[in-house]
C-alpha cells in the first residue's frame, strides 16, 4: 500500500521587521527546527515560507500544539494542508527543487535530474531546501571553492545543511573535513548525502560552535546567517590556522559592514566579495 503524505503549507510573515526577507528566513528556520522534532520528515522552501511533509498515518490532531513559534509575537504564521499520494512524491520535489549550475563546472542536482558533463556532479536528495539551498548563497560559496586549491587542506563546513559544500570540498581534494549542523535532520541528511556521493573524508557532527573547542582548520566554510556568524566569529577565528581561509555567506549586502568589521577586528584580512541578488559571500585570510 502506498504511503499518503500531508503537506503543511506554512506562510511565515514577520511583524514590523525592517529586514523582512531575513526575518522570514530566520522564522522559517526556527519553524523547521521545531517541526523536525515531530513526525515531519521533510521540508521545502516556498515563496511564502515552507512546506512540511508528514506521513498521514503519523499525523495527530495535536501535532502542532507545542510548536512555540506559531504563537510568537514576532511572526504571523498560517497554514493549509493538502494530501499527497506517494505516486506524486517525486513530482512535488521536482516542482520545488531546481538544480544549481555554477559556470558549467559544478552541478548540484537531485537523483531524478539527469547527469550533466560538469566536472563536479553532486547529487543531493532534496528533502529540505535550506541545504540545497538559497541558490544565491550556495552558488557563491561554490564559486569560492571552485577558485581555491583545497588539496590536503583540513576543512570545516559549519552549518552544513545537506553537506553540499563539504562534498564539493572533498571532490576538490580537501581532507579531512568536518561538517557540523545543529539540526538533527541536517545531521542525518548530511551523512546520507556524503555516502551518496562516495565521500570518504567527511565526518558529520550534530551540534553548534561549542564543538570547535581545540579544533584547527585550514579552511572554514560558514553559510549560515548574520546573527549566528557574528556570535560565533570568535570560535571561527580561534580555529583558523595561520594563512587559513574563511568563507562566509547567508546575509545581505547591507550586512557587509557589520560582518567585515567583526572579521577585521579579529585580525582577518578581507580578500573578496561576491554578490547575487543582494546576497553576498565573503572571503578572508588569517
C-alpha atoms as a PDB file:
ATOM      1  CA  UNK A   1       0.000   0.000   0.000  1.00  0.00           C
ATOM      2  CA  UNK A   2       1.407   3.404  -0.961  1.00  0.00           C
ATOM      3  CA  UNK A   3       2.130   5.968   1.725  1.00  0.00           C
ATOM      4  CA  UNK A   4      -0.089   9.032   1.866  1.00  0.00           C
ATOM      5  CA  UNK A   5       1.545  12.288   2.946  1.00  0.00           C
ATOM      6  CA  UNK A   6       0.111  15.514   4.279  1.00  0.00           C
ATOM      7  CA  UNK A   7       1.758  18.690   3.052  1.00  0.00           C
ATOM      8  CA  UNK A   8       1.510  21.600   5.504  1.00  0.00           C
ATOM      9  CA  UNK A   9       1.937  24.843   3.549  1.00  0.00           C
ATOM     10  CA  UNK A  10       3.140  27.417   6.088  1.00  0.00           C
ATOM     11  CA  UNK A  11       3.123  31.149   5.342  1.00  0.00           C
ATOM     12  CA  UNK A  12       5.648  32.985   7.525  1.00  0.00           C
ATOM     13  CA  UNK A  13       5.182  36.745   7.884  1.00  0.00           C
ATOM     14  CA  UNK A  14       7.397  38.822  10.206  1.00  0.00           C
ATOM     15  CA  UNK A  15       5.667  41.512  12.232  1.00  0.00           C
ATOM     16  CA  UNK A  16       7.119  45.005  11.926  1.00  0.00           C
ATOM     17  CA  UNK A  17      10.550  43.794  10.793  1.00  0.00           C
ATOM     18  CA  UNK A  18      12.839  46.199   8.963  1.00  0.00           C
ATOM     19  CA  UNK A  19      14.568  43.357   7.140  1.00  0.00           C
ATOM     20  CA  UNK A  20      11.546  41.246   6.268  1.00  0.00           C
ATOM     21  CA  UNK A  21      13.369  38.806   3.958  1.00  0.00           C
ATOM     22  CA  UNK A  22      15.996  37.937   6.522  1.00  0.00           C
ATOM     23  CA  UNK A  23      13.408  37.775   9.288  1.00  0.00           C
ATOM     24  CA  UNK A  24      11.264  35.436   7.179  1.00  0.00           C
ATOM     25  CA  UNK A  25      14.296  33.209   6.618  1.00  0.00           C
ATOM     26  CA  UNK A  26      15.017  33.107  10.338  1.00  0.00           C
ATOM     27  CA  UNK A  27      11.371  32.384  11.171  1.00  0.00           C
ATOM     28  CA  UNK A  28      11.262  29.585   8.615  1.00  0.00           C
ATOM     29  CA  UNK A  29      14.450  28.038  10.012  1.00  0.00           C
ATOM     30  CA  UNK A  30      13.062  28.106  13.557  1.00  0.00           C
ATOM     31  CA  UNK A  31       9.796  26.580  12.346  1.00  0.00           C
ATOM     32  CA  UNK A  32      11.658  23.779  10.545  1.00  0.00           C
ATOM     33  CA  UNK A  33      13.761  23.081  13.643  1.00  0.00           C
ATOM     34  CA  UNK A  34      10.640  22.756  15.800  1.00  0.00           C
ATOM     35  CA  UNK A  35       8.715  20.665  13.269  1.00  0.00           C
ATOM     36  CA  UNK A  36      11.742  18.415  12.899  1.00  0.00           C
ATOM     37  CA  UNK A  37      11.202  17.314  16.496  1.00  0.00           C
ATOM     38  CA  UNK A  38       7.811  15.952  15.446  1.00  0.00           C
ATOM     39  CA  UNK A  39       6.900  13.353  12.806  1.00  0.00           C
ATOM     40  CA  UNK A  40       7.575  15.761   9.924  1.00  0.00           C
ATOM     41  CA  UNK A  41      10.268  14.191   7.797  1.00  0.00           C
ATOM     42  CA  UNK A  42      10.992  16.644   5.014  1.00  0.00           C
ATOM     43  CA  UNK A  43      10.778  20.334   4.203  1.00  0.00           C
ATOM     44  CA  UNK A  44      10.837  22.551   1.126  1.00  0.00           C
ATOM     45  CA  UNK A  45      11.130  26.328   0.932  1.00  0.00           C
ATOM     46  CA  UNK A  46       8.367  28.222  -0.822  1.00  0.00           C
ATOM     47  CA  UNK A  47       7.917  31.864  -1.765  1.00  0.00           C
ATOM     48  CA  UNK A  48       5.739  32.282   1.325  1.00  0.00           C
ATOM     49  CA  UNK A  49       7.573  30.176   3.900  1.00  0.00           C
ATOM     50  CA  UNK A  50       7.932  26.403   3.944  1.00  0.00           C
ATOM     51  CA  UNK A  51       6.089  23.225   3.061  1.00  0.00           C
ATOM     52  CA  UNK A  52       6.446  20.455   5.654  1.00  0.00           C
ATOM     53  CA  UNK A  53       5.575  16.828   4.926  1.00  0.00           C
ATOM     54  CA  UNK A  54       4.363  14.153   7.318  1.00  0.00           C
ATOM     55  CA  UNK A  55       3.028  10.670   6.655  1.00  0.00           C
ATOM     56  CA  UNK A  56      -0.719  10.701   7.151  1.00  0.00           C
ATOM     57  CA  UNK A  57      -0.646   7.687   9.454  1.00  0.00           C
ATOM     58  CA  UNK A  58       1.780   9.579  11.754  1.00  0.00           C
ATOM     59  CA  UNK A  59      -0.347  12.731  11.903  1.00  0.00           C
ATOM     60  CA  UNK A  60      -2.219  13.534  15.124  1.00  0.00           C
ATOM     61  CA  UNK A  61      -4.597  16.369  15.924  1.00  0.00           C
ATOM     62  CA  UNK A  62      -2.192  17.826  18.465  1.00  0.00           C
ATOM     63  CA  UNK A  63       0.907  17.630  16.254  1.00  0.00           C
ATOM     64  CA  UNK A  64       1.294  21.426  16.215  1.00  0.00           C
ATOM     65  CA  UNK A  65       0.184  22.128  19.778  1.00  0.00           C
ATOM     66  CA  UNK A  66       3.619  22.813  21.253  1.00  0.00           C
ATOM     67  CA  UNK A  67       5.249  24.466  18.233  1.00  0.00           C
ATOM     68  CA  UNK A  68       6.284  27.657  20.027  1.00  0.00           C
ATOM     69  CA  UNK A  69       6.940  29.880  17.022  1.00  0.00           C
ATOM     70  CA  UNK A  70       3.295  29.562  15.951  1.00  0.00           C
ATOM     71  CA  UNK A  71       2.495  31.712  18.991  1.00  0.00           C
ATOM     72  CA  UNK A  72       5.450  34.088  18.679  1.00  0.00           C
ATOM     73  CA  UNK A  73       4.661  37.823  18.838  1.00  0.00           C
ATOM     74  CA  UNK A  74       7.325  38.363  16.164  1.00  0.00           C
ATOM     75  CA  UNK A  75       5.650  36.322  13.405  1.00  0.00           C
ATOM     76  CA  UNK A  76       2.252  35.684  11.892  1.00  0.00           C
ATOM     77  CA  UNK A  77       2.218  32.068  10.692  1.00  0.00           C
ATOM     78  CA  UNK A  78      -0.721  30.498   8.906  1.00  0.00           C
ATOM     79  CA  UNK A  79      -1.006  27.187   7.088  1.00  0.00           C
ATOM     80  CA  UNK A  80      -3.133  24.991   4.870  1.00  0.00           C
ATOM     81  CA  UNK A  81      -2.992  21.208   4.477  1.00  0.00           C
ATOM     82  CA  UNK A  82      -3.034  19.168   1.279  1.00  0.00           C
ATOM     83  CA  UNK A  83      -2.994  15.391   0.893  1.00  0.00           C
ATOM     84  CA  UNK A  84      -0.344  13.958  -1.422  1.00  0.00           C
ATOM     85  CA  UNK A  85      -0.263  10.396  -2.678  1.00  0.00           C
ATOM     86  CA  UNK A  86       3.081   8.609  -2.859  1.00  0.00           C
ATOM     87  CA  UNK A  87       2.877   8.441  -6.656  1.00  0.00           C
ATOM     88  CA  UNK A  88       3.163  12.247  -6.758  1.00  0.00           C
ATOM     89  CA  UNK A  89       6.061  12.456  -4.303  1.00  0.00           C
ATOM     90  CA  UNK A  90       8.889  12.971  -6.817  1.00  0.00           C
ATOM     91  CA  UNK A  91       6.673  15.390  -8.698  1.00  0.00           C
ATOM     92  CA  UNK A  92       6.468  17.518  -5.564  1.00  0.00           C
ATOM     93  CA  UNK A  93      10.273  17.611  -5.302  1.00  0.00           C
ATOM     94  CA  UNK A  94      10.645  18.398  -8.989  1.00  0.00           C
ATOM     95  CA  UNK A  95       8.310  21.365  -8.608  1.00  0.00           C
ATOM     96  CA  UNK A  96      10.250  22.744  -5.650  1.00  0.00           C
ATOM     97  CA  UNK A  97      13.864  21.863  -6.331  1.00  0.00           C
ATOM     98  CA  UNK A  98      15.902  23.176  -9.227  1.00  0.00           C
ATOM     99  CA  UNK A  99      19.466  22.090  -9.987  1.00  0.00           C
ATOM    100  CA  UNK A 100      22.260  24.548  -9.276  1.00  0.00           C
ATOM    101  CA  UNK A 101      24.711  25.050 -12.125  1.00  0.00           C
ATOM    102  CA  UNK A 102      27.874  27.064 -11.495  1.00  0.00           C
ATOM    103  CA  UNK A 103      29.735  28.022 -14.661  1.00  0.00           C
ATOM    104  CA  UNK A 104      29.075  24.530 -16.090  1.00  0.00           C
ATOM    105  CA  UNK A 105      31.855  23.319 -13.778  1.00  0.00           C
ATOM    106  CA  UNK A 106      29.780  22.263 -10.769  1.00  0.00           C
ATOM    107  CA  UNK A 107      26.257  20.876 -10.970  1.00  0.00           C
ATOM    108  CA  UNK A 108      24.122  20.192  -7.889  1.00  0.00           C
ATOM    109  CA  UNK A 109      21.123  18.032  -8.683  1.00  0.00           C
ATOM    110  CA  UNK A 110      18.594  15.599  -7.286  1.00  0.00           C
ATOM    111  CA  UNK A 111      18.670  11.883  -8.151  1.00  0.00           C
ATOM    112  CA  UNK A 112      15.787  12.399 -10.584  1.00  0.00           C
ATOM    113  CA  UNK A 113      17.666  15.087 -12.556  1.00  0.00           C
ATOM    114  CA  UNK A 114      19.831  13.967 -15.498  1.00  0.00           C
ATOM    115  CA  UNK A 115      23.594  13.841 -15.038  1.00  0.00           C
ATOM    116  CA  UNK A 116      25.495  16.570 -16.863  1.00  0.00           C
ATOM    117  CA  UNK A 117      29.068  16.799 -18.137  1.00  0.00           C
ATOM    118  CA  UNK A 118      30.067  19.101 -15.278  1.00  0.00           C
ATOM    119  CA  UNK A 119      33.440  18.329 -13.713  1.00  0.00           C
ATOM    120  CA  UNK A 120      31.876  18.216 -10.249  1.00  0.00           C
ATOM    121  CA  UNK A 121      28.498  16.456 -10.203  1.00  0.00           C
ATOM    122  CA  UNK A 122      26.869  16.496  -6.760  1.00  0.00           C
ATOM    123  CA  UNK A 123      23.691  14.511  -6.063  1.00  0.00           C
ATOM    124  CA  UNK A 124      21.538  15.697  -3.163  1.00  0.00           C
ATOM    125  CA  UNK A 125      18.298  14.100  -2.014  1.00  0.00           C
ATOM    126  CA  UNK A 126      16.189  17.280  -1.835  1.00  0.00           C
ATOM    127  CA  UNK A 127      14.240  16.570   1.316  1.00  0.00           C
ATOM    128  CA  UNK A 128      14.767  20.106   2.514  1.00  0.00           C
ATOM    129  CA  UNK A 129      15.945  23.098   0.558  1.00  0.00           C
ATOM    130  CA  UNK A 130      17.749  25.011   3.297  1.00  0.00           C
ATOM    131  CA  UNK A 131      20.716  22.922   2.372  1.00  0.00           C
ATOM    132  CA  UNK A 132      20.186  22.838  -1.322  1.00  0.00           C
ATOM    133  CA  UNK A 133      19.734  25.943  -0.730  1.00  0.00           C
ATOM    134  CA  UNK A 134      19.251  29.564  -1.017  1.00  0.00           C
ATOM    135  CA  UNK A 135      20.584  29.325  -4.520  1.00  0.00           C
ATOM    136  CA  UNK A 136      22.334  32.682  -4.338  1.00  0.00           C
ATOM    137  CA  UNK A 137      24.431  31.900  -1.276  1.00  0.00           C
ATOM    138  CA  UNK A 138      25.106  28.299  -2.250  1.00  0.00           C
ATOM    139  CA  UNK A 139      26.055  29.389  -5.759  1.00  0.00           C
ATOM    140  CA  UNK A 140      28.550  31.957  -4.468  1.00  0.00           C
ATOM    141  CA  UNK A 141      30.119  29.610  -1.933  1.00  0.00           C
ATOM    142  CA  UNK A 142      30.575  27.046  -4.689  1.00  0.00           C
ATOM    143  CA  UNK A 143      32.249  29.747  -6.787  1.00  0.00           C
ATOM    144  CA  UNK A 144      34.682  30.476  -3.955  1.00  0.00           C
ATOM    145  CA  UNK A 145      35.531  26.793  -3.555  1.00  0.00           C
ATOM    146  CA  UNK A 146      35.995  26.281  -7.296  1.00  0.00           C
ATOM    147  CA  UNK A 147      38.549  29.102  -7.312  1.00  0.00           C
ATOM    148  CA  UNK A 148      40.501  27.639  -4.373  1.00  0.00           C
ATOM    149  CA  UNK A 149      43.128  24.898  -4.290  1.00  0.00           C
ATOM    150  CA  UNK A 150      41.833  22.734  -1.450  1.00  0.00           C
ATOM    151  CA  UNK A 151      44.133  19.749  -1.851  1.00  0.00           C
ATOM    152  CA  UNK A 152      45.158  18.361   1.517  1.00  0.00           C
ATOM    153  CA  UNK A 153      43.546  21.195   3.488  1.00  0.00           C
ATOM    154  CA  UNK A 154      41.690  20.387   6.703  1.00  0.00           C
ATOM    155  CA  UNK A 155      38.248  21.903   6.218  1.00  0.00           C
ATOM    156  CA  UNK A 156      35.172  22.764   8.294  1.00  0.00           C
ATOM    157  CA  UNK A 157      31.675  23.143   6.827  1.00  0.00           C
ATOM    158  CA  UNK A 158      29.802  24.941   9.620  1.00  0.00           C
ATOM    159  CA  UNK A 159      26.018  24.877   9.378  1.00  0.00           C
ATOM    160  CA  UNK A 160      26.407  22.258   6.678  1.00  0.00           C
ATOM    161  CA  UNK A 161      22.713  21.803   5.834  1.00  0.00           C
ATOM    162  CA  UNK A 162      22.802  18.937   3.338  1.00  0.00           C
ATOM    163  CA  UNK A 163      26.646  18.969   3.153  1.00  0.00           C
ATOM    164  CA  UNK A 164      26.801  20.267  -0.417  1.00  0.00           C
ATOM    165  CA  UNK A 165      29.851  22.403   0.299  1.00  0.00           C
ATOM    166  CA  UNK A 166      31.641  19.689   2.280  1.00  0.00           C
ATOM    167  CA  UNK A 167      31.052  17.271  -0.592  1.00  0.00           C
ATOM    168  CA  UNK A 168      32.468  19.718  -3.135  1.00  0.00           C
ATOM    169  CA  UNK A 169      35.445  20.369  -0.869  1.00  0.00           C
ATOM    170  CA  UNK A 170      36.242  16.641  -0.815  1.00  0.00           C
ATOM    171  CA  UNK A 171      35.827  16.417  -4.593  1.00  0.00           C
ATOM    172  CA  UNK A 172      38.445  19.186  -4.815  1.00  0.00           C
ATOM    173  CA  UNK A 173      40.893  17.312  -2.613  1.00  0.00           C
ATOM    174  CA  UNK A 174      40.248  18.698   0.874  1.00  0.00           C
ATOM    175  CA  UNK A 175      40.804  16.278   3.756  1.00  0.00           C
ATOM    176  CA  UNK A 176      39.897  15.660   6.460  1.00  0.00           C
ATOM    177  CA  UNK A 177      36.572  17.508   6.541  1.00  0.00           C
ATOM    178  CA  UNK A 178      34.245  18.168   9.494  1.00  0.00           C
ATOM    179  CA  UNK A 179      30.604  19.017   8.726  1.00  0.00           C
ATOM    180  CA  UNK A 180      28.547  20.386  11.621  1.00  0.00           C
ATOM    181  CA  UNK A 181      24.885  21.328  11.926  1.00  0.00           C
ATOM    182  CA  UNK A 182      22.726  21.956  14.973  1.00  0.00           C
ATOM    183  CA  UNK A 183      19.639  20.466  13.302  1.00  0.00           C
ATOM    184  CA  UNK A 184      19.172  16.703  13.645  1.00  0.00           C
ATOM    185  CA  UNK A 185      17.561  16.387  10.232  1.00  0.00           C
ATOM    186  CA  UNK A 186      20.507  18.166   8.602  1.00  0.00           C
ATOM    187  CA  UNK A 187      22.941  15.969  10.521  1.00  0.00           C
ATOM    188  CA  UNK A 188      21.284  12.779   9.296  1.00  0.00           C
ATOM    189  CA  UNK A 189      20.796  14.059   5.758  1.00  0.00           C
ATOM    190  CA  UNK A 190      24.435  15.175   5.534  1.00  0.00           C
ATOM    191  CA  UNK A 191      25.544  11.642   6.399  1.00  0.00           C
ATOM    192  CA  UNK A 192      23.251  10.273   3.684  1.00  0.00           C
ATOM    193  CA  UNK A 193      24.450  12.742   1.078  1.00  0.00           C
ATOM    194  CA  UNK A 194      28.131  12.181   1.874  1.00  0.00           C
ATOM    195  CA  UNK A 195      27.579   8.457   1.345  1.00  0.00           C
ATOM    196  CA  UNK A 196      25.522   9.108  -1.800  1.00  0.00           C
ATOM    197  CA  UNK A 197      28.460  10.991  -3.313  1.00  0.00           C
ATOM    198  CA  UNK A 198      31.021   8.348  -2.268  1.00  0.00           C
ATOM    199  CA  UNK A 199      32.824  10.661   0.161  1.00  0.00           C
ATOM    200  CA  UNK A 200      35.383   9.059   2.460  1.00  0.00           C
ATOM    201  CA  UNK A 201      36.869  12.046   4.296  1.00  0.00           C
ATOM    202  CA  UNK A 202      33.784  13.783   5.745  1.00  0.00           C
ATOM    203  CA  UNK A 203      32.872  13.420   9.423  1.00  0.00           C
ATOM    204  CA  UNK A 204      29.422  14.779  10.310  1.00  0.00           C
ATOM    205  CA  UNK A 205      28.570  16.082  13.789  1.00  0.00           C
ATOM    206  CA  UNK A 206      25.365  17.354  15.387  1.00  0.00           C
ATOM    207  CA  UNK A 207      25.879  20.496  17.431  1.00  0.00           C
ATOM    208  CA  UNK A 208      26.993  24.117  17.400  1.00  0.00           C
ATOM    209  CA  UNK A 209      30.193  26.152  17.713  1.00  0.00           C
ATOM    210  CA  UNK A 210      30.889  24.589  21.123  1.00  0.00           C
ATOM    211  CA  UNK A 211      32.172  21.568  19.170  1.00  0.00           C
ATOM    212  CA  UNK A 212      35.019  23.691  17.812  1.00  0.00           C
ATOM    213  CA  UNK A 213      36.976  23.825  21.060  1.00  0.00           C
ATOM    214  CA  UNK A 214      40.634  22.916  20.462  1.00  0.00           C
ATOM    215  CA  UNK A 215      39.971  22.324  16.732  1.00  0.00           C
ATOM    216  CA  UNK A 216      42.166  23.737  13.964  1.00  0.00           C
ATOM    217  CA  UNK A 217      41.352  24.133  10.274  1.00  0.00           C
ATOM    218  CA  UNK A 218      42.979  25.428   7.105  1.00  0.00           C
ATOM    219  CA  UNK A 219      39.611  26.333   5.558  1.00  0.00           C
ATOM    220  CA  UNK A 220      36.313  27.233   7.249  1.00  0.00           C
ATOM    221  CA  UNK A 221      33.062  27.452   5.283  1.00  0.00           C
ATOM    222  CA  UNK A 222      30.105  29.072   7.066  1.00  0.00           C
ATOM    223  CA  UNK A 223      26.900  29.684   5.102  1.00  0.00           C
ATOM    224  CA  UNK A 224      24.508  30.482   7.944  1.00  0.00           C
ATOM    225  CA  UNK A 225      23.011  33.894   8.797  1.00  0.00           C
ATOM    226  CA  UNK A 226      24.252  37.254  10.017  1.00  0.00           C
ATOM    227  CA  UNK A 227      23.467  36.931  13.710  1.00  0.00           C
ATOM    228  CA  UNK A 228      24.896  33.444  14.155  1.00  0.00           C
ATOM    229  CA  UNK A 229      28.025  34.387  12.213  1.00  0.00           C
ATOM    230  CA  UNK A 230      28.622  37.459  14.365  1.00  0.00           C
ATOM    231  CA  UNK A 231      28.038  35.467  17.528  1.00  0.00           C
ATOM    232  CA  UNK A 232      30.312  32.594  16.522  1.00  0.00           C
ATOM    233  CA  UNK A 233      33.064  34.591  14.785  1.00  0.00           C
ATOM    234  CA  UNK A 234      35.490  34.288  17.744  1.00  0.00           C
ATOM    235  CA  UNK A 235      35.231  30.489  17.506  1.00  0.00           C
ATOM    236  CA  UNK A 236      35.984  30.526  13.767  1.00  0.00           C
ATOM    237  CA  UNK A 237      38.988  32.811  14.144  1.00  0.00           C
ATOM    238  CA  UNK A 238      40.398  30.760  17.024  1.00  0.00           C
ATOM    239  CA  UNK A 239      40.124  27.621  14.897  1.00  0.00           C
ATOM    240  CA  UNK A 240      41.792  29.064  11.812  1.00  0.00           C
ATOM    241  CA  UNK A 241      45.386  28.050  11.140  1.00  0.00           C
ATOM    242  CA  UNK A 242      47.942  30.674  10.029  1.00  0.00           C
ATOM    243  CA  UNK A 243      47.213  31.640   6.411  1.00  0.00           C
ATOM    244  CA  UNK A 244      43.853  29.900   6.775  1.00  0.00           C
ATOM    245  CA  UNK A 245      40.833  30.861   4.674  1.00  0.00           C
ATOM    246  CA  UNK A 246      37.364  31.800   5.925  1.00  0.00           C
ATOM    247  CA  UNK A 247      34.396  31.800   3.522  1.00  0.00           C
ATOM    248  CA  UNK A 248      31.174  33.425   4.761  1.00  0.00           C
ATOM    249  CA  UNK A 249      27.658  33.762   3.330  1.00  0.00           C
ATOM    250  CA  UNK A 250      23.994  33.751   4.314  1.00  0.00           C
ATOM    251  CA  UNK A 251      23.482  37.519   4.613  1.00  0.00           C
ATOM    252  CA  UNK A 252      22.735  40.626   2.576  1.00  0.00           C
ATOM    253  CA  UNK A 253      24.865  43.389   1.107  1.00  0.00           C
ATOM    254  CA  UNK A 254      23.694  45.778   3.818  1.00  0.00           C
ATOM    255  CA  UNK A 255      25.193  43.402   6.415  1.00  0.00           C
ATOM    256  CA  UNK A 256      28.683  43.768   4.934  1.00  0.00           C
ATOM    257  CA  UNK A 257      29.930  46.467   7.302  1.00  0.00           C
ATOM    258  CA  UNK A 258      28.963  44.552  10.441  1.00  0.00           C
ATOM    259  CA  UNK A 259      30.430  41.261   9.219  1.00  0.00           C
ATOM    260  CA  UNK A 260      33.576  42.864   7.830  1.00  0.00           C
ATOM    261  CA  UNK A 261      34.214  44.881  10.988  1.00  0.00           C
ATOM    262  CA  UNK A 262      33.898  41.762  13.105  1.00  0.00           C
ATOM    263  CA  UNK A 263      36.406  39.904  10.921  1.00  0.00           C
ATOM    264  CA  UNK A 264      38.907  42.756  10.679  1.00  0.00           C
ATOM    265  CA  UNK A 265      38.745  43.422  14.417  1.00  0.00           C
ATOM    266  CA  UNK A 266      39.805  39.820  14.973  1.00  0.00           C
ATOM    267  CA  UNK A 267      42.817  40.085  12.688  1.00  0.00           C
ATOM    268  CA  UNK A 268      41.426  38.675   9.445  1.00  0.00           C
ATOM    269  CA  UNK A 269      42.181  40.258   6.080  1.00  0.00           C
ATOM    270  CA  UNK A 270      39.412  40.884   3.554  1.00  0.00           C
ATOM    271  CA  UNK A 271      40.077  39.333   0.133  1.00  0.00           C
ATOM    272  CA  UNK A 272      36.939  39.199  -1.975  1.00  0.00           C
ATOM    273  CA  UNK A 273      33.178  39.824  -2.106  1.00  0.00           C
ATOM    274  CA  UNK A 274      30.707  38.092  -4.421  1.00  0.00           C
ATOM    275  CA  UNK A 275      27.134  39.340  -4.858  1.00  0.00           C
ATOM    276  CA  UNK A 276      23.961  37.816  -6.311  1.00  0.00           C
ATOM    277  CA  UNK A 277      20.529  39.420  -5.955  1.00  0.00           C
ATOM    278  CA  UNK A 278      21.676  41.426  -2.910  1.00  0.00           C
ATOM    279  CA  UNK A 279      23.008  38.308  -1.147  1.00  0.00           C
ATOM    280  CA  UNK A 280      26.779  38.384  -0.637  1.00  0.00           C
ATOM    281  CA  UNK A 281      29.594  35.975   0.098  1.00  0.00           C
ATOM    282  CA  UNK A 282      32.958  36.996   1.550  1.00  0.00           C
ATOM    283  CA  UNK A 283      36.483  35.585   1.616  1.00  0.00           C
ATOM    284  CA  UNK A 284      39.020  36.334   4.375  1.00  0.00           C
ATOM    285  CA  UNK A 285      42.501  35.059   5.155  1.00  0.00           C
ATOM    286  CA  UNK A 286      44.187  34.779   8.518  1.00  0.00           C
END
